[in-house]
PDB file of N, CA and C in Angstrom:
ATOM      1  N   MET A   1      91.480 134.543 127.747  1.00  0.00           N
ATOM      2  CA  MET A   1      90.912 134.420 126.160  1.00  0.00           C
ATOM      3  C   MET A   1      89.707 133.463 126.193  1.00  0.00           C
ATOM      4  N   SER A   2      89.185 133.288 125.456  1.00  0.00           N
ATOM      5  CA  SER A   2      87.989 132.572 124.876  1.00  0.00           C
ATOM      6  C   SER A   2      88.539 130.953 124.113  1.00  0.00           C
ATOM      7  N   ARG A   3      87.552 130.232 123.910  1.00  0.00           N
ATOM      8  CA  ARG A   3      88.044 129.760 122.360  1.00  0.00           C
ATOM      9  C   ARG A   3      86.200 129.706 121.926  1.00  0.00           C
ATOM     10  N   ILE A   4      86.492 130.318 120.924  1.00  0.00           N
ATOM     11  CA  ILE A   4      85.418 129.882 119.841  1.00  0.00           C
ATOM     12  C   ILE A   4      85.198 129.879 118.678  1.00  0.00           C
ATOM     13  N   LEU A   5      84.607 129.455 118.421  1.00  0.00           N
ATOM     14  CA  LEU A   5      84.399 128.792 116.646  1.00  0.00           C
ATOM     15  C   LEU A   5      83.201 129.243 116.141  1.00  0.00           C
ATOM     16  N   ILE A   6      83.473 129.764 115.164  1.00  0.00           N
ATOM     17  CA  ILE A   6      82.594 130.337 113.173  1.00  0.00           C
ATOM     18  C   ILE A   6      82.221 129.843 112.463  1.00  0.00           C
ATOM     19  N   VAL A   7      81.836 129.904 112.063  1.00  0.00           N
ATOM     20  CA  VAL A   7      80.761 128.836 111.898  1.00  0.00           C
ATOM     21  C   VAL A   7      79.895 129.715 110.306  1.00  0.00           C
ATOM     22  N   GLU A   8      80.814 130.024 109.425  1.00  0.00           N
ATOM     23  CA  GLU A   8      80.148 130.561 108.173  1.00  0.00           C
ATOM     24  C   GLU A   8      80.711 130.231 106.594  1.00  0.00           C
ATOM     25  N   ASP A   9      79.395 130.411 105.516  1.00  0.00           N
ATOM     26  CA  ASP A   9      80.174 129.957 104.525  1.00  0.00           C
ATOM     27  C   ASP A   9      80.854 131.213 103.862  1.00  0.00           C
ATOM     28  N   ASP A  10      80.590 132.394 103.971  1.00  0.00           N
ATOM     29  CA  ASP A  10      81.640 133.504 102.573  1.00  0.00           C
ATOM     30  C   ASP A  10      83.114 133.850 103.678  1.00  0.00           C
ATOM     31  N   PRO A  11      84.137 133.079 103.308  1.00  0.00           N
ATOM     32  CA  PRO A  11      85.641 132.846 102.968  1.00  0.00           C
ATOM     33  C   PRO A  11      85.958 134.771 103.845  1.00  0.00           C
ATOM     34  N   ALA A  12      85.158 136.218 103.132  1.00  0.00           N
ATOM     35  CA  ALA A  12      85.427 137.185 103.331  1.00  0.00           C
ATOM     36  C   ALA A  12      85.349 137.179 104.766  1.00  0.00           C
ATOM     37  N   ILE A  13      84.284 137.506 105.638  1.00  0.00           N
ATOM     38  CA  ILE A  13      83.469 137.147 106.340  1.00  0.00           C
ATOM     39  C   ILE A  13      83.667 136.765 107.983  1.00  0.00           C
ATOM     40  N   LEU A  14      84.492 135.088 106.922  1.00  0.00           N
ATOM     41  CA  LEU A  14      85.454 134.577 108.027  1.00  0.00           C
ATOM     42  C   LEU A  14      86.256 134.650 108.333  1.00  0.00           C
ATOM     43  N   CYS A  15      87.516 135.565 107.162  1.00  0.00           N
ATOM     44  CA  CYS A  15      88.525 136.061 107.920  1.00  0.00           C
ATOM     45  C   CYS A  15      89.266 136.574 108.820  1.00  0.00           C
ATOM     46  N   GLY A  16      87.850 137.762 108.627  1.00  0.00           N
ATOM     47  CA  GLY A  16      87.702 139.058 109.136  1.00  0.00           C
ATOM     48  C   GLY A  16      87.483 138.921 110.858  1.00  0.00           C
ATOM     49  N   LEU A  17      86.340 137.755 110.582  1.00  0.00           N
ATOM     50  CA  LEU A  17      85.977 137.648 111.878  1.00  0.00           C
ATOM     51  C   LEU A  17      87.287 136.594 112.578  1.00  0.00           C
ATOM     52  N   ARG A  18      87.681 135.989 111.844  1.00  0.00           N
ATOM     53  CA  ARG A  18      88.722 135.176 112.461  1.00  0.00           C
ATOM     54  C   ARG A  18      89.503 136.550 112.852  1.00  0.00           C
ATOM     55  N   ASP A  19      89.988 137.022 112.118  1.00  0.00           N
ATOM     56  CA  ASP A  19      91.172 137.663 112.365  1.00  0.00           C
ATOM     57  C   ASP A  19      91.323 139.356 113.503  1.00  0.00           C
ATOM     58  N   ASN A  20      89.996 139.478 113.347  1.00  0.00           N
ATOM     59  CA  ASN A  20      89.394 140.425 114.853  1.00  0.00           C
ATOM     60  C   ASN A  20      89.168 139.741 116.069  1.00  0.00           C
ATOM     61  N   LEU A  21      88.855 138.077 116.357  1.00  0.00           N
ATOM     62  CA  LEU A  21      88.703 137.964 117.267  1.00  0.00           C
ATOM     63  C   LEU A  21      90.661 137.305 117.682  1.00  0.00           C
ATOM     64  N   GLU A  22      91.180 137.242 116.554  1.00  0.00           N
ATOM     65  CA  GLU A  22      92.496 136.328 117.244  1.00  0.00           C
ATOM     66  C   GLU A  22      93.651 137.626 117.793  1.00  0.00           C
ATOM     67  N   PHE A  23      93.070 139.229 117.133  1.00  0.00           N
ATOM     68  CA  PHE A  23      94.006 140.427 117.588  1.00  0.00           C
ATOM     69  C   PHE A  23      93.391 140.657 119.199  1.00  0.00           C
ATOM     70  N   GLU A  24      92.036 140.249 119.446  1.00  0.00           N
ATOM     71  CA  GLU A  24      92.058 139.744 120.744  1.00  0.00           C
ATOM     72  C   GLU A  24      92.290 139.052 121.592  1.00  0.00           C
ATOM     73  N   SER A  25      93.012 137.361 120.961  1.00  0.00           N
ATOM     74  CA  SER A  25      93.785 137.634 121.840  1.00  0.00           C
ATOM     75  C   SER A  25      92.712 135.700 122.068  1.00  0.00           C
ATOM     76  N   HIS A  26      91.576 135.551 120.980  1.00  0.00           N
ATOM     77  CA  HIS A  26      91.062 134.857 121.642  1.00  0.00           C
ATOM     78  C   HIS A  26      91.310 134.098 120.886  1.00  0.00           C
ATOM     79  N   GLN A  27      91.071 132.413 120.888  1.00  0.00           N
ATOM     80  CA  GLN A  27      91.784 131.341 120.220  1.00  0.00           C
ATOM     81  C   GLN A  27      90.165 130.719 119.499  1.00  0.00           C
ATOM     82  N   VAL A  28      90.954 131.110 117.314  1.00  0.00           N
ATOM     83  CA  VAL A  28      89.307 130.980 117.072  1.00  0.00           C
ATOM     84  C   VAL A  28      89.427 129.428 116.407  1.00  0.00           C
ATOM     85  N   LEU A  29      88.501 128.631 116.372  1.00  0.00           N
ATOM     86  CA  LEU A  29      88.038 127.951 115.640  1.00  0.00           C
ATOM     87  C   LEU A  29      87.469 127.837 114.837  1.00  0.00           C
ATOM     88  N   THR A  30      87.300 127.641 113.062  1.00  0.00           N
ATOM     89  CA  THR A  30      86.570 127.805 111.805  1.00  0.00           C
ATOM     90  C   THR A  30      85.611 126.698 111.573  1.00  0.00           C
ATOM     91  N   ALA A  31      85.027 126.427 110.692  1.00  0.00           N
ATOM     92  CA  ALA A  31      83.900 126.072 109.853  1.00  0.00           C
ATOM     93  C   ALA A  31      83.224 126.515 108.701  1.00  0.00           C
ATOM     94  N   THR A  32      83.473 126.043 107.591  1.00  0.00           N
ATOM     95  CA  THR A  32      82.590 126.220 106.951  1.00  0.00           C
ATOM     96  C   THR A  32      81.224 125.898 106.645  1.00  0.00           C
ATOM     97  N   ASP A  33      80.618 125.343 107.492  1.00  0.00           N
ATOM     98  CA  ASP A  33      79.373 124.674 106.950  1.00  0.00           C
ATOM     99  C   ASP A  33      78.836 124.601 108.077  1.00  0.00           C
ATOM    100  N   GLY A  34      77.484 124.370 108.506  1.00  0.00           N
ATOM    101  CA  GLY A  34      76.996 123.481 109.342  1.00  0.00           C
ATOM    102  C   GLY A  34      77.278 121.902 109.778  1.00  0.00           C
ATOM    103  N   GLU A  35      77.431 121.370 109.096  1.00  0.00           N
ATOM    104  CA  GLU A  35      77.696 120.226 109.114  1.00  0.00           C
ATOM    105  C   GLU A  35      79.136 120.400 110.079  1.00  0.00           C
ATOM    106  N   ALA A  36      80.281 120.796 109.523  1.00  0.00           N
ATOM    107  CA  ALA A  36      81.821 120.611 110.139  1.00  0.00           C
ATOM    108  C   ALA A  36      81.415 121.462 111.157  1.00  0.00           C
ATOM    109  N   GLY A  37      80.423 122.439 111.494  1.00  0.00           N
ATOM    110  CA  GLY A  37      79.964 123.377 112.991  1.00  0.00           C
ATOM    111  C   GLY A  37      79.918 122.207 113.349  1.00  0.00           C
ATOM    112  N   TYR A  38      78.490 121.749 113.777  1.00  0.00           N
ATOM    113  CA  TYR A  38      77.897 121.008 114.518  1.00  0.00           C
ATOM    114  C   TYR A  38      79.065 120.083 114.652  1.00  0.00           C
ATOM    115  N   ARG A  39      79.938 119.265 113.838  1.00  0.00           N
ATOM    116  CA  ARG A  39      80.884 118.063 114.460  1.00  0.00           C
ATOM    117  C   ARG A  39      82.108 119.161 115.203  1.00  0.00           C
ATOM    118  N   ALA A  40      82.509 120.476 115.249  1.00  0.00           N
ATOM    119  CA  ALA A  40      83.550 121.255 115.680  1.00  0.00           C
ATOM    120  C   ALA A  40      82.703 121.741 117.016  1.00  0.00           C
ATOM    121  N   VAL A  41      81.674 121.794 117.262  1.00  0.00           N
ATOM    122  CA  VAL A  41      81.402 121.492 118.425  1.00  0.00           C
ATOM    123  C   VAL A  41      82.091 120.787 119.343  1.00  0.00           C
ATOM    124  N   TRP A  42      81.370 119.515 118.962  1.00  0.00           N
ATOM    125  CA  TRP A  42      81.188 118.359 119.984  1.00  0.00           C
ATOM    126  C   TRP A  42      82.815 118.139 119.861  1.00  0.00           C
ATOM    127  N   ARG A  43      84.019 118.283 118.697  1.00  0.00           N
ATOM    128  CA  ARG A  43      84.795 117.070 118.880  1.00  0.00           C
ATOM    129  C   ARG A  43      85.839 118.351 120.173  1.00  0.00           C
ATOM    130  N   CYS A  44      85.269 119.463 120.112  1.00  0.00           N
ATOM    131  CA  CYS A  44      86.023 120.874 120.843  1.00  0.00           C
ATOM    132  C   CYS A  44      85.863 120.563 121.855  1.00  0.00           C
ATOM    133  N   ASP A  45      84.888 119.952 121.961  1.00  0.00           N
ATOM    134  CA  ASP A  45      84.077 120.575 123.781  1.00  0.00           C
ATOM    135  C   ASP A  45      83.801 121.640 123.620  1.00  0.00           C
ATOM    136  N   LEU A  46      82.483 122.326 122.978  1.00  0.00           N
ATOM    137  CA  LEU A  46      82.723 123.421 122.841  1.00  0.00           C
ATOM    138  C   LEU A  46      80.837 123.618 123.374  1.00  0.00           C
ATOM    139  N   THR A  47      80.703 122.691 123.960  1.00  0.00           N
ATOM    140  CA  THR A  47      78.908 121.674 124.461  1.00  0.00           C
ATOM    141  C   THR A  47      77.920 123.304 125.379  1.00  0.00           C
ATOM    142  N   ARG A  48      79.273 123.711 125.967  1.00  0.00           N
ATOM    143  CA  ARG A  48      78.319 124.950 127.053  1.00  0.00           C
ATOM    144  C   ARG A  48      78.094 126.292 126.308  1.00  0.00           C
ATOM    145  N   ARG A  49      78.619 127.260 125.740  1.00  0.00           N
ATOM    146  CA  ARG A  49      77.893 128.148 124.286  1.00  0.00           C
ATOM    147  C   ARG A  49      78.364 127.532 122.927  1.00  0.00           C
ATOM    148  N   ALA A  50      77.096 127.845 122.218  1.00  0.00           N
ATOM    149  CA  ALA A  50      77.219 127.529 120.824  1.00  0.00           C
ATOM    150  C   ALA A  50      75.643 129.143 120.268  1.00  0.00           C
ATOM    151  N   ALA A  51      76.246 129.692 119.026  1.00  0.00           N
ATOM    152  CA  ALA A  51      75.733 129.949 118.440  1.00  0.00           C
ATOM    153  C   ALA A  51      75.509 129.739 116.736  1.00  0.00           C
ATOM    154  N   PHE A  52      74.516 129.753 116.527  1.00  0.00           N
ATOM    155  CA  PHE A  52      75.316 128.962 114.555  1.00  0.00           C
ATOM    156  C   PHE A  52      74.056 129.974 114.162  1.00  0.00           C
ATOM    157  N   GLN A  53      74.168 129.905 113.008  1.00  0.00           N
ATOM    158  CA  GLN A  53      73.371 130.772 111.855  1.00  0.00           C
ATOM    159  C   GLN A  53      72.616 130.108 111.099  1.00  0.00           C
ATOM    160  N   VAL A  54      71.117 130.406 111.050  1.00  0.00           N
ATOM    161  CA  VAL A  54      70.071 129.733 111.327  1.00  0.00           C
ATOM    162  C   VAL A  54      70.170 128.738 110.336  1.00  0.00           C
ATOM    163  N   PHE A  55      70.540 129.381 108.680  1.00  0.00           N
ATOM    164  CA  PHE A  55      70.736 128.934 107.555  1.00  0.00           C
ATOM    165  C   PHE A  55      71.791 129.066 107.024  1.00  0.00           C
ATOM    166  N   ALA A  56      72.516 127.667 107.308  1.00  0.00           N
ATOM    167  CA  ALA A  56      73.686 127.462 106.677  1.00  0.00           C
ATOM    168  C   ALA A  56      74.011 126.782 105.603  1.00  0.00           C
ATOM    169  N   PRO A  57      74.895 126.832 104.981  1.00  0.00           N
ATOM    170  CA  PRO A  57      75.060 125.547 103.426  1.00  0.00           C
ATOM    171  C   PRO A  57      74.990 124.530 104.666  1.00  0.00           C
ATOM    172  N   VAL A  58      74.862 123.106 103.916  1.00  0.00           N
ATOM    173  CA  VAL A  58      75.063 121.237 104.244  1.00  0.00           C
ATOM    174  C   VAL A  58      73.960 121.226 105.537  1.00  0.00           C
ATOM    175  N   GLN A  59      73.743 121.678 107.175  1.00  0.00           N
ATOM    176  CA  GLN A  59      73.069 122.045 107.250  1.00  0.00           C
ATOM    177  C   GLN A  59      72.168 123.224 108.181  1.00  0.00           C
ATOM    178  N   GLU A  60      70.801 123.171 107.888  1.00  0.00           N
ATOM    179  CA  GLU A  60      69.735 124.751 108.451  1.00  0.00           C
ATOM    180  C   GLU A  60      69.307 124.414 109.146  1.00  0.00           C
ATOM    181  N   GLY A  61      69.167 124.932 109.966  1.00  0.00           N
ATOM    182  CA  GLY A  61      67.468 125.468 111.095  1.00  0.00           C
ATOM    183  C   GLY A  61      68.557 124.436 112.678  1.00  0.00           C
ATOM    184  N   LEU A  62      67.530 124.972 113.214  1.00  0.00           N
ATOM    185  CA  LEU A  62      68.495 124.518 113.992  1.00  0.00           C
ATOM    186  C   LEU A  62      68.536 123.350 115.134  1.00  0.00           C
ATOM    187  N   LYS A  63      68.934 122.448 115.624  1.00  0.00           N
ATOM    188  CA  LYS A  63      69.536 121.068 115.942  1.00  0.00           C
ATOM    189  C   LYS A  63      69.358 120.407 117.724  1.00  0.00           C
TER     190      LYS A  63
END
């Protein structure tokens, strides 16, 4: 089981991704914009692996 953070601003996509990953027994964390996702990476110690959508609401680009 992996801990996975999904950062997605579209609720339907977020829900679908979360449901599929939870069905596969992953622990899923979610955020709806880049800033919240960035904070979650550090708060939840997800610093080993992270993939972000480059164009996300609130915070865009690679940091």
